[in-house]
């Protein structure tokens, strides 16, 4: 969908949702297959598939304190503060902030987090009012979990206050299990709160987002505007790192905290110096040295689709920003893709030499012997074409287009005082594409 809206046969498409950023590559109008494994965060999964990667950064990622004045947004699904009031009518951020004032001096932003029942699962756990003597409730909850659900049925609660009230053993683990099962949801500061407070997401109340940021800023003893600017930079660095990691194709993938990746992002985000500024001529500043900057040129459009990506990736490095395309209909790119995508059928065979002469052709039915490579290739072309056209007809594809790709790998072999090229393997792949009638 992103490639179609960008009107370019090649593209890097970025889609941001609530919990993840998905980055994929399109070549020649179709999803590009990657051999060697899919990417999920910094892990390589041993399953071939589309050349795409999924990273745990989205609009609902959880704010975390990584050290003194060091922040990041973690791969944990949370509900933004600016959306909590809309989902839970009894949740008032002003009253919540007033009740939390007494714990601000601890300087621990985790103390500000709340939790609530996930409204999409309320029916599943409704009516759970257990006593402490119950061993388990009838809906698959342990007794401690049922007690937490019963307390949250009255509305969102600050997590630490709820733990002190219930005095349950292993409260943190029990709540984490409810969150994992999507029965409860954590309410915390997120990129959505940051960008809503800055006015980039008008769908959510800006005053609520700014109040949440002010609460966290007070906890960290920082001015609200300074804290908001720092978080915007954190999001920019994290988003740039994801895109850089994908485009550069590091093997193995770099972890988000890898110092090499952090240094590359720093160089990417460093703005060029203004050589006409005479006031800086006598100031030796390495950051002004153009040699300490890095540019990244993907060679194809970077297409931002979905509601979140134009916000999360709106401050890309200068060299990348020039290639960014934000389609007017990008928020419905998923539907556009479903309509415009062509069916693509693939089949392939391999041909290998035998010790006694001749070759063998391998497909998913087995193997067949042939006297020469030419005979095997001719059979492969005919068989692959017939197989895929038959499948295309069964799917009702209109005017299917057939493509054949061949690869012959040869290497030199030494046969007692003479050297010649010998066949190692040949591969033939057929592709049929078409649209349903």
Protein backbone atom coordinates (compact mmCIF):
# COMPACT_ATOMS: atom_id res chain seq x y z
CA UNK A 1 0.00 0.00 0.00
CA UNK A 2 2.80 2.42 0.86
CA UNK A 3 4.66 1.62 -2.36
CA UNK A 4 1.51 2.15 -4.43
CA UNK A 5 0.71 5.49 -2.78
CA UNK A 6 4.30 6.65 -3.28
CA UNK A 7 4.05 5.78 -7.00
CA UNK A 8 7.54 4.29 -6.92
CA UNK A 9 8.50 0.70 -7.82
CA UNK A 10 11.12 0.70 -5.03
CA UNK A 11 10.52 1.97 -1.51
CA UNK A 12 11.31 1.55 2.16
CA UNK A 13 7.97 1.64 3.98
CA UNK A 14 7.62 2.47 7.67
CA UNK A 15 4.43 1.70 9.59
CA UNK A 16 4.10 2.63 13.26
CA UNK A 17 1.34 1.31 15.48
CA UNK A 18 0.76 1.37 19.19
CA UNK A 19 3.43 -1.17 20.11
CA UNK A 20 5.79 -1.67 17.16
CA UNK A 21 7.54 -0.04 14.24
CA UNK A 22 7.53 -2.19 11.11
CA UNK A 23 10.02 -1.36 8.34
CA UNK A 24 9.88 -3.22 5.03
CA UNK A 25 11.48 -3.00 1.62
CA UNK A 26 9.66 -3.14 -1.73
CA UNK A 27 11.56 -3.76 -4.96
CA UNK A 28 10.13 -3.75 -8.49
CA UNK A 29 6.64 -3.28 -7.08
CA UNK A 30 6.66 -6.33 -4.83
CA UNK A 31 7.74 -7.34 -1.37
CA UNK A 32 11.40 -8.32 -1.46
CA UNK A 33 12.13 -11.77 -0.05
CA UNK A 34 15.02 -12.01 2.37
CA UNK A 35 16.86 -15.28 2.81
CA UNK A 36 18.47 -15.97 6.13
CA UNK A 37 15.78 -14.87 8.51
CA UNK A 38 13.27 -12.26 9.59
CA UNK A 39 14.20 -9.49 12.05
CA UNK A 40 12.42 -8.92 15.35
CA UNK A 41 14.20 -6.28 17.43
CA UNK A 42 17.89 -7.24 17.40
CA UNK A 43 17.15 -10.93 16.89
CA UNK A 44 17.40 -12.83 13.64
CA UNK A 45 14.66 -15.45 13.35
CA UNK A 46 15.61 -18.46 11.18
CA UNK A 47 12.56 -18.18 8.93
CA UNK A 48 12.79 -16.81 5.40
CA UNK A 49 10.24 -14.15 4.53
CA UNK A 50 9.77 -10.57 3.43
CA UNK A 51 12.68 -8.20 3.88
CA UNK A 52 11.21 -6.43 6.86
CA UNK A 53 11.92 -5.92 10.51
CA UNK A 54 9.77 -5.30 13.56
CA UNK A 55 11.03 -3.12 16.40
CA UNK A 56 9.46 -2.57 19.82
CA UNK A 57 8.90 1.17 19.55
CA UNK A 58 5.45 2.61 19.05
CA UNK A 59 3.07 5.25 20.23
CA UNK A 60 2.26 3.27 23.37
CA UNK A 61 5.84 2.37 24.40
CA UNK A 62 6.57 2.77 28.11
CA UNK A 63 8.80 5.57 29.43
CA UNK A 64 11.73 4.27 31.45
CA UNK A 65 14.48 5.95 33.44
CA UNK A 66 17.86 4.52 32.37
CA UNK A 67 20.03 6.63 34.68
CA UNK A 68 20.56 10.22 35.69
CA UNK A 69 18.95 12.32 32.94
CA UNK A 70 18.95 9.25 30.69
CA UNK A 71 15.63 8.04 29.34
CA UNK A 72 14.29 5.58 26.80
CA UNK A 73 10.96 4.12 25.70
CA UNK A 74 10.72 0.37 26.27
CA UNK A 75 9.02 -2.38 24.32
CA UNK A 76 6.07 -2.64 26.70
CA UNK A 77 2.47 -1.94 25.77
CA UNK A 78 0.95 0.82 27.91
CA UNK A 79 -1.99 3.20 27.78
CA UNK A 80 -0.95 6.85 27.37
CA UNK A 81 -2.09 9.18 30.13
CA UNK A 82 -3.71 11.45 27.55
CA UNK A 83 -6.03 8.61 26.48
CA UNK A 84 -6.88 7.28 29.94
CA UNK A 85 -9.61 9.82 30.70
CA UNK A 86 -11.36 9.01 27.41
CA UNK A 87 -11.41 5.30 28.21
CA UNK A 88 -12.16 5.57 31.93
CA UNK A 89 -14.67 8.37 32.66
CA UNK A 90 -13.83 8.29 36.38
CA UNK A 91 -10.13 8.93 35.74
CA UNK A 92 -9.24 12.58 36.32
CA UNK A 93 -5.58 13.42 35.81
CA UNK A 94 -5.72 16.57 37.93
CA UNK A 95 -7.01 14.64 40.96
CA UNK A 96 -4.57 11.84 40.22
CA UNK A 97 -1.64 14.28 40.14
CA UNK A 98 -2.76 15.87 43.42
CA UNK A 99 -2.89 12.46 45.10
CA UNK A 100 0.58 11.62 43.78
CA UNK A 101 2.25 14.79 45.07
CA UNK A 102 3.33 13.10 48.27
CA UNK A 103 5.59 10.63 46.44
CA UNK A 104 7.21 13.04 43.95
CA UNK A 105 10.21 13.66 46.22
CA UNK A 106 11.31 10.02 45.76
CA UNK A 107 12.34 10.89 42.20
CA UNK A 108 11.12 7.52 40.90
CA UNK A 109 8.78 7.95 37.89
CA UNK A 110 7.69 4.31 38.13
CA UNK A 111 5.74 5.33 41.25
CA UNK A 112 3.51 7.49 39.03
CA UNK A 113 2.29 4.61 36.87
CA UNK A 114 -1.27 3.37 37.17
CA UNK A 115 -3.16 0.31 36.00
CA UNK A 116 -6.71 -0.43 34.96
CA UNK A 117 -8.78 -3.25 33.54
CA UNK A 118 -8.38 -3.49 29.79
CA UNK A 119 -11.79 -2.35 28.57
CA UNK A 120 -11.68 -4.85 25.70
CA UNK A 121 -11.64 -7.71 28.23
CA UNK A 122 -14.06 -6.37 30.82
CA UNK A 123 -16.78 -8.87 29.90
CA UNK A 124 -14.40 -11.76 30.43
CA UNK A 125 -13.64 -10.84 34.01
CA UNK A 126 -16.86 -9.09 35.02
CA UNK A 127 -18.46 -10.17 38.27
CA UNK A 128 -15.24 -11.32 39.88
CA UNK A 129 -15.63 -10.39 43.55
CA UNK A 130 -13.56 -13.02 45.37
CA UNK A 131 -12.89 -13.38 49.04
CA UNK A 132 -9.39 -13.98 50.32
CA UNK A 133 -10.30 -17.59 51.13
CA UNK A 134 -10.99 -18.48 47.50
CA UNK A 135 -8.37 -20.65 45.82
CA UNK A 136 -9.24 -19.49 42.31
CA UNK A 137 -12.02 -17.73 40.45
CA UNK A 138 -14.07 -19.39 37.74
CA UNK A 139 -12.50 -17.42 34.92
CA UNK A 140 -8.96 -18.78 35.10
CA UNK A 141 -7.60 -16.21 37.55
CA UNK A 142 -5.63 -17.06 40.63
CA UNK A 143 -6.93 -15.71 43.92
CA UNK A 144 -4.44 -12.78 44.01
CA UNK A 145 -5.23 -11.94 40.38
CA UNK A 146 -8.97 -12.02 41.06
CA UNK A 147 -8.47 -9.68 44.02
CA UNK A 148 -6.56 -7.24 41.80
CA UNK A 149 -9.31 -7.42 39.16
CA UNK A 150 -11.97 -6.76 41.79
CA UNK A 151 -10.08 -3.69 43.03
CA UNK A 152 -9.59 -2.38 39.49
CA UNK A 153 -13.27 -2.86 38.63
CA UNK A 154 -13.89 0.42 40.45
CA UNK A 155 -11.51 2.29 38.12
CA UNK A 156 -7.80 2.89 37.49
CA UNK A 157 -5.45 2.88 40.46
CA UNK A 158 -1.87 3.94 41.03
CA UNK A 159 0.08 0.68 41.07
CA UNK A 160 2.15 1.27 44.19
CA UNK A 161 -0.90 2.44 46.18
CA UNK A 162 -2.86 -0.64 45.09
CA UNK A 163 0.01 -2.91 46.14
CA UNK A 164 0.11 -1.32 49.61
CA UNK A 165 -3.65 -1.64 49.96
CA UNK A 166 -3.95 -5.32 48.96
CA UNK A 167 -0.72 -6.50 50.65
CA UNK A 168 -0.56 -9.52 48.35
CA UNK A 169 2.56 -11.69 48.12
CA UNK A 170 4.20 -11.40 44.71
CA UNK A 171 1.87 -8.55 43.75
CA UNK A 172 4.19 -7.37 40.97
CA UNK A 173 4.30 -10.78 39.32
CA UNK A 174 0.52 -11.25 39.57
CA UNK A 175 -0.14 -7.84 38.00
CA UNK A 176 2.42 -8.50 35.25
CA UNK A 177 0.59 -11.72 34.43
CA UNK A 178 -2.73 -9.86 34.17
CA UNK A 179 -1.07 -7.34 31.85
CA UNK A 180 0.47 -10.14 29.77
CA UNK A 181 -2.96 -11.74 29.38
CA UNK A 182 -4.41 -8.36 28.34
CA UNK A 183 -6.83 -8.39 31.26
CA UNK A 184 -5.19 -5.34 32.82
CA UNK A 185 -3.25 -2.52 31.21
CA UNK A 186 -0.54 -0.24 32.53
CA UNK A 187 -1.05 3.54 32.29
CA UNK A 188 2.26 5.34 31.82
CA UNK A 189 4.02 8.12 29.95
CA UNK A 190 4.45 7.34 26.23
CA UNK A 191 5.58 8.96 22.97
CA UNK A 192 1.89 9.65 22.31
CA UNK A 193 1.81 11.86 25.41
CA UNK A 194 4.95 13.69 24.28
CA UNK A 195 3.72 14.40 20.76
CA UNK A 196 0.19 15.22 21.92
CA UNK A 197 1.64 17.77 24.34
CA UNK A 198 3.59 19.27 21.43
CA UNK A 199 0.43 19.53 19.32
CA UNK A 200 1.23 16.83 16.74
CA UNK A 201 -1.69 14.53 17.55
CA UNK A 202 -4.89 16.60 17.75
CA UNK A 203 -7.04 13.49 18.24
CA UNK A 204 -6.11 13.40 21.93
CA UNK A 205 -6.48 16.13 24.60
CA UNK A 206 -3.32 18.24 24.69
CA UNK A 207 -4.01 19.53 28.21
CA UNK A 208 -4.07 15.98 29.59
CA UNK A 209 -0.79 15.11 27.89
CA UNK A 210 0.91 18.24 29.15
CA UNK A 211 -0.37 17.61 32.68
CA UNK A 212 1.13 14.10 32.59
CA UNK A 213 4.46 15.48 31.38
CA UNK A 214 4.39 18.12 34.12
CA UNK A 215 3.80 15.41 36.73
CA UNK A 216 6.81 13.40 35.54
CA UNK A 217 8.93 16.55 35.22
CA UNK A 218 8.11 17.48 38.83
CA UNK A 219 9.13 13.99 39.93
CA UNK A 220 12.49 14.41 38.17
CA UNK A 221 12.86 18.03 39.34
CA UNK A 222 12.93 19.43 35.78
CA UNK A 223 11.05 22.24 34.00
CA UNK A 224 8.24 20.74 31.95
CA UNK A 225 9.35 22.26 28.63
CA UNK A 226 12.92 21.08 29.09
CA UNK A 227 11.77 17.58 29.96
CA UNK A 228 9.45 17.49 26.94
CA UNK A 229 12.26 18.59 24.61
CA UNK A 230 14.59 15.92 26.02
CA UNK A 231 11.99 13.20 25.48
CA UNK A 232 11.40 14.35 21.91
CA UNK A 233 15.15 13.96 21.30
CA UNK A 234 15.11 10.51 22.88
CA UNK A 235 12.32 9.42 20.53
CA UNK A 236 14.19 10.90 17.58
CA UNK A 237 17.36 9.01 18.47
CA UNK A 238 15.50 5.72 18.96
CA UNK A 239 13.56 6.06 15.69
CA UNK A 240 16.71 6.97 13.75
CA UNK A 241 18.54 3.97 15.23
CA UNK A 242 15.79 1.62 14.05
CA UNK A 243 15.88 2.96 10.50
CA UNK A 244 19.67 3.00 10.37
CA UNK A 245 19.88 -0.57 11.66
CA UNK A 246 17.47 -1.74 8.94
CA UNK A 247 18.94 0.21 6.01
CA UNK A 248 22.55 -0.59 6.85
CA UNK A 249 21.80 -4.29 7.20
CA UNK A 250 24.19 -4.94 10.07
CA UNK A 251 24.96 -8.63 10.42
CA UNK A 252 24.49 -9.57 13.15
CA UNK A 253 21.94 -6.87 14.03
CA UNK A 254 23.09 -4.31 16.59
CA UNK A 255 21.35 -4.03 19.95
CA UNK A 256 19.68 -0.65 20.64
CA UNK A 257 22.24 0.14 23.35
CA UNK A 258 25.26 -0.90 21.25
CA UNK A 259 27.81 1.96 21.50
CA UNK A 260 28.66 1.68 17.81
CA UNK A 261 25.01 2.17 16.84
CA UNK A 262 24.62 5.06 19.29
CA UNK A 263 27.72 6.75 17.84
CA UNK A 264 26.45 6.36 14.27
CA UNK A 265 23.09 7.86 15.25
CA UNK A 266 24.86 10.77 16.92
CA UNK A 267 26.81 11.46 13.71
CA UNK A 268 23.67 11.13 11.60
CA UNK A 269 21.73 13.64 13.69
CA UNK A 270 24.54 16.19 13.86
CA UNK A 271 23.51 19.18 11.80
CA UNK A 272 25.97 20.72 9.32
CA UNK A 273 27.83 23.80 10.50
CA UNK A 274 27.05 27.23 9.08
CA UNK A 275 30.37 28.27 7.56
CA UNK A 276 29.14 31.83 7.06
CA UNK A 277 28.77 32.40 10.80
CA UNK A 278 31.86 34.50 11.59
CA UNK A 279 31.22 34.36 15.34
CA UNK A 280 32.22 30.68 15.35
CA UNK A 281 35.39 30.99 13.26
CA UNK A 282 37.73 31.22 16.22
CA UNK A 283 36.05 28.54 18.30
CA UNK A 284 37.60 25.09 17.95
CA UNK A 285 34.54 22.85 18.13
CA UNK A 286 34.80 19.31 16.83
CA UNK A 287 31.03 19.08 16.49
CA UNK A 288 31.24 21.79 13.81
CA UNK A 289 33.69 19.74 11.76
CA UNK A 290 31.92 18.37 8.64
CA UNK A 291 34.21 15.34 8.88
CA UNK A 292 32.39 14.30 12.04
CA UNK A 293 29.03 14.02 10.30
CA UNK A 294 27.43 11.02 8.65
CA UNK A 295 24.88 10.94 5.86
CA UNK A 296 22.66 8.04 4.91
CA UNK A 297 21.21 7.84 1.39
CA UNK A 298 18.80 4.91 0.95
CA UNK A 299 18.53 5.41 -2.83
CA UNK A 300 14.76 5.01 -2.74
CA UNK A 301 11.81 6.81 -1.13
CA UNK A 302 11.21 6.35 2.60
CA UNK A 303 7.41 6.14 2.81
CA UNK A 304 5.66 6.88 6.11
CA UNK A 305 2.26 5.20 6.41
CA UNK A 306 -0.21 4.62 9.20
CA UNK A 307 -1.20 7.19 11.77
CA UNK A 308 1.96 6.92 13.87
CA UNK A 309 4.93 6.99 11.49
CA UNK A 310 4.59 10.62 10.24
CA UNK A 311 4.70 11.65 13.91
CA UNK A 312 7.37 9.30 15.24
CA UNK A 313 9.66 9.82 12.22
CA UNK A 314 8.97 13.49 11.51
CA UNK A 315 12.47 14.59 12.61
CA UNK A 316 14.69 12.34 10.52
CA UNK A 317 18.32 13.29 9.74
CA UNK A 318 18.69 15.82 6.95
CA UNK A 319 20.09 13.33 4.42
CA UNK A 320 17.11 11.01 4.97
CA UNK A 321 14.46 13.70 5.23
CA UNK A 322 15.01 14.60 1.58
CA UNK A 323 13.78 11.12 0.59
CA UNK A 324 10.72 11.01 2.86
CA UNK A 325 7.28 10.65 1.28
CA UNK A 326 4.14 11.06 3.41
CA UNK A 327 1.14 10.09 1.22
CA UNK A 328 -2.08 11.96 1.86
CA UNK A 329 -3.89 8.61 2.16
CA UNK A 330 -1.10 6.99 4.17
CA UNK A 331 -3.33 6.35 7.18
CA UNK A 332 -5.31 3.80 5.11
CA UNK A 333 -2.31 2.28 3.31
CA UNK A 334 -3.19 -1.13 4.73
CA UNK A 335 -6.55 -1.10 2.95
CA UNK A 336 -4.98 0.31 -0.22
CA UNK A 337 -2.42 -2.49 -0.17
CA UNK A 338 -5.12 -5.13 0.17
CA UNK A 339 -6.81 -3.76 -2.93
CA UNK A 340 -3.78 -3.11 -5.12
CA UNK A 341 -1.42 -5.94 -4.20
CA UNK A 342 -0.94 -8.61 -6.84
CA UNK A 343 -0.88 -12.29 -6.02
CA UNK A 344 2.64 -13.67 -6.31
CA UNK A 345 3.24 -17.41 -6.70
CA UNK A 346 6.75 -18.87 -6.56
CA UNK A 347 8.23 -22.24 -7.34
CA UNK A 348 11.83 -23.34 -7.78
CA UNK A 349 13.98 -26.33 -8.60
CA UNK A 350 17.67 -27.13 -8.29
CA UNK A 351 19.93 -29.16 -10.58
CA UNK A 352 23.10 -30.88 -9.39
CA UNK A 353 25.71 -33.06 -11.13
CA UNK A 354 26.01 -36.76 -10.35
CA UNK A 355 29.23 -38.70 -9.78
CA UNK A 356 28.54 -40.98 -12.74
CA UNK A 357 27.79 -38.21 -15.22
CA UNK A 358 24.59 -36.42 -16.04
CA UNK A 359 22.55 -34.33 -13.61
CA UNK A 360 19.62 -34.66 -11.23
CA UNK A 361 16.73 -32.21 -10.95
CA UNK A 362 15.23 -31.72 -7.49
CA UNK A 363 11.73 -30.34 -6.85
CA UNK A 364 9.26 -30.83 -4.01
CA UNK A 365 8.06 -34.11 -5.59
CA UNK A 366 11.51 -35.70 -5.57
CA UNK A 367 14.32 -35.97 -8.13
CA UNK A 368 14.64 -36.85 -11.81
CA UNK A 369 17.78 -37.83 -13.77
CA UNK A 370 18.77 -36.09 -17.01
CA UNK A 371 21.67 -36.72 -19.34
CA UNK A 372 22.64 -33.04 -19.76
CA UNK A 373 22.20 -29.76 -17.97
CA UNK A 374 20.43 -28.36 -21.06
CA UNK A 375 17.79 -31.12 -20.92
CA UNK A 376 17.20 -30.51 -17.22
CA UNK A 377 16.89 -26.74 -17.70
CA UNK A 378 14.41 -27.17 -20.55
CA UNK A 379 12.28 -29.51 -18.42
CA UNK A 380 12.48 -27.13 -15.43
CA UNK A 381 11.23 -24.16 -17.45
CA UNK A 382 8.27 -26.07 -18.88
CA UNK A 383 7.34 -27.76 -15.62
CA UNK A 384 7.56 -24.62 -13.49
CA UNK A 385 5.51 -22.58 -15.95
CA UNK A 386 2.80 -25.25 -16.08
CA UNK A 387 2.66 -25.70 -12.32
CA UNK A 388 2.25 -21.99 -11.58
CA UNK A 389 -0.22 -21.27 -14.38
CA UNK A 390 -2.36 -24.14 -13.09
CA UNK A 391 -2.32 -22.65 -9.58
CA UNK A 392 -3.06 -19.17 -10.99
CA UNK A 393 -6.10 -20.52 -12.82
CA UNK A 394 -7.36 -22.17 -9.64
CA UNK A 395 -7.08 -18.80 -7.86
CA UNK A 396 -8.87 -17.00 -10.69
CA UNK A 397 -5.98 -14.67 -11.49
CA UNK A 398 -6.56 -12.51 -14.54
CA UNK A 399 -3.86 -12.37 -17.26
CA UNK A 400 -1.10 -13.88 -15.10
CA UNK A 401 2.46 -12.79 -15.89
CA UNK A 402 5.22 -15.40 -15.80
CA UNK A 403 8.87 -14.67 -14.99
CA UNK A 404 11.74 -17.15 -15.03
CA UNK A 405 15.04 -16.62 -13.21
CA UNK A 406 18.02 -18.90 -13.68
CA UNK A 407 21.30 -19.12 -11.81
CA UNK A 408 24.16 -21.44 -12.75
CA UNK A 409 26.98 -21.75 -10.24
CA UNK A 410 30.28 -23.13 -11.53
CA UNK A 411 33.65 -23.62 -9.90
CA UNK A 412 37.03 -24.85 -11.03
CA UNK A 413 37.90 -28.49 -10.42
CA UNK A 414 41.34 -30.08 -10.80
CA UNK A 415 41.39 -33.30 -12.78
CA UNK A 416 44.98 -34.67 -12.82
CA UNK A 417 47.02 -31.95 -14.51
CA UNK A 418 44.04 -30.14 -16.10
CA UNK A 419 41.66 -27.66 -14.63
CA UNK A 420 38.20 -26.88 -15.96
CA UNK A 421 34.93 -25.37 -14.83
CA UNK A 422 32.45 -27.82 -13.46
CA UNK A 423 28.78 -27.36 -12.61
CA UNK A 424 28.19 -27.02 -8.88
CA UNK A 425 24.46 -26.27 -8.89
CA UNK A 426 21.84 -24.64 -11.07
CA UNK A 427 18.67 -23.04 -9.78
CA UNK A 428 15.54 -22.10 -11.70
CA UNK A 429 12.79 -20.03 -10.12
CA UNK A 430 9.44 -19.17 -11.65
CA UNK A 431 7.17 -16.37 -10.52
CA UNK A 432 3.58 -15.79 -11.59
CA UNK A 433 1.76 -12.60 -10.62
CA UNK A 434 -1.75 -11.44 -11.30
CA UNK A 435 -4.91 -9.90 -9.88
CA UNK A 436 -8.14 -11.77 -9.14
CA UNK A 437 -10.83 -11.16 -11.73
